[in-house]
Amino acid sequence: MRSLVTASLAIHNIPSAAGRAKAIDEAWRVLKLGGRLLVLDISKTREYERRLVEIGTTGLSASDAGWRVWWSGPWMASRTMTATKPDSLKLLVTIH
């Protein structure tokens, strides 16, 4: 189990929504209780946010990553999101 899992400009390359959800699920699975997930990507980030809410994240935060992480210009801006896996097993029952 990991206390921090990161994905940077990667998950959007998975062709299907189901595959991207599976990637988020896998990142979540390997997090220890209280661990943090950090995702930086150029598209599909709202989709990741919805999935994280579905699987029981706490402390979800999402924001524009700023001009230093533009992918060729402002029309391909990156977003950053962080989420914390709950400390309590009771909150994790809804995942599966």
Protein backbone atom coordinates (compact mmCIF):
# COMPACT_ATOMS: atom_id res chain seq x y z
CA MET A 1 0.00 0.00 0.00
CA ARG A 2 1.17 3.49 -0.86
CA SER A 3 0.69 6.78 0.95
CA LEU A 4 0.88 8.73 -2.34
CA VAL A 5 -0.07 7.78 -5.90
CA THR A 6 0.44 10.15 -8.84
CA ALA A 7 -0.61 10.16 -12.49
CA SER A 8 0.73 12.90 -14.72
CA LEU A 9 -0.58 13.47 -18.25
CA ALA A 10 -1.31 9.77 -18.69
CA ILE A 11 -4.83 8.56 -17.96
CA HIS A 12 -6.44 10.52 -20.83
CA ASN A 13 -4.50 8.24 -23.22
CA ILE A 14 -6.66 5.25 -22.24
CA PRO A 15 -9.23 5.05 -25.06
CA SER A 16 -12.40 4.07 -23.18
CA ALA A 17 -14.21 5.68 -20.27
CA ALA A 18 -14.39 2.26 -18.61
CA GLY A 19 -10.63 1.88 -18.95
CA ARG A 20 -10.00 5.32 -17.46
CA ALA A 21 -12.35 4.49 -14.55
CA LYS A 22 -10.41 1.25 -14.03
CA ALA A 23 -7.14 3.24 -13.88
CA ILE A 24 -8.60 5.54 -11.22
CA ASP A 25 -9.91 2.51 -9.33
CA GLU A 26 -6.48 0.85 -9.41
CA ALA A 27 -4.73 3.98 -8.17
CA TRP A 28 -7.32 4.14 -5.38
CA ARG A 29 -6.92 0.45 -4.56
CA VAL A 30 -3.18 0.71 -3.90
CA LEU A 31 -3.56 3.73 -1.61
CA LYS A 32 -3.41 3.02 2.07
CA LEU A 33 -6.08 4.47 4.32
CA GLY A 34 -5.43 8.18 4.67
CA GLY A 35 -3.29 8.16 1.50
CA ARG A 36 -3.41 10.85 -1.20
CA LEU A 37 -3.98 10.63 -4.93
CA LEU A 38 -2.67 13.37 -7.24
CA VAL A 39 -3.75 13.47 -10.89
CA LEU A 40 -2.55 16.02 -13.46
CA ASP A 41 -4.09 15.75 -16.91
CA ILE A 42 -5.18 17.73 -19.97
CA SER A 43 -8.62 16.21 -20.52
CA LYS A 44 -11.22 13.95 -18.94
CA THR A 45 -10.51 15.38 -15.48
CA ARG A 46 -14.20 15.98 -14.68
CA GLU A 47 -14.74 12.30 -15.47
CA TYR A 48 -12.02 11.38 -12.94
CA GLU A 49 -13.58 13.68 -10.35
CA ARG A 50 -16.98 11.98 -10.75
CA ARG A 51 -15.38 8.54 -10.37
CA LEU A 52 -13.50 9.59 -7.24
CA VAL A 53 -16.73 10.84 -5.67
CA GLU A 54 -18.42 7.54 -6.57
CA ILE A 55 -15.73 5.48 -4.84
CA GLY A 56 -15.79 7.50 -1.65
CA THR A 57 -13.02 10.06 -1.71
CA THR A 58 -12.70 12.74 0.92
CA GLY A 59 -11.03 16.08 0.50
CA LEU A 60 -11.37 16.19 -3.28
CA SER A 61 -9.80 19.33 -4.69
CA ALA A 62 -9.47 20.26 -8.36
CA SER A 63 -8.02 23.33 -10.02
CA ASP A 64 -6.38 24.73 -13.11
CA ALA A 65 -2.69 23.79 -13.04
CA GLY A 66 -1.64 27.15 -14.49
CA TRP A 67 0.19 28.34 -17.60
CA ARG A 68 3.37 26.39 -16.86
CA VAL A 69 1.53 23.16 -17.58
CA TRP A 70 -0.30 24.18 -20.76
CA TRP A 71 -0.06 21.57 -23.46
CA SER A 72 0.91 23.78 -26.45
CA GLY A 73 -1.22 26.72 -25.31
CA PRO A 74 -4.18 27.84 -23.19
CA TRP A 75 -6.60 25.79 -25.30
CA MET A 76 -5.04 22.65 -23.75
CA ALA A 77 -4.80 23.70 -20.12
CA SER A 78 -4.03 21.06 -17.52
CA ARG A 79 -6.01 20.45 -14.35
CA THR A 80 -4.76 19.08 -11.07
CA MET A 81 -6.82 17.12 -8.60
CA THR A 82 -6.03 15.65 -5.24
CA ALA A 83 -8.10 13.24 -3.19
CA THR A 84 -7.66 11.55 0.16
CA LYS A 85 -8.66 7.98 0.91
CA PRO A 86 -10.77 7.93 4.07
CA ASP A 87 -9.18 6.65 7.27
CA SER A 88 -12.28 4.65 8.12
CA LEU A 89 -13.14 1.30 6.58
CA LYS A 90 -16.84 2.10 7.06
CA LEU A 91 -16.61 4.76 4.33
CA LEU A 92 -14.98 2.28 1.93
CA VAL A 93 -17.86 -0.22 1.98
CA THR A 94 -19.58 1.67 -0.87
CA ILE A 95 -16.67 1.06 -3.28
CA HIS A 96 -17.58 -2.52 -4.14
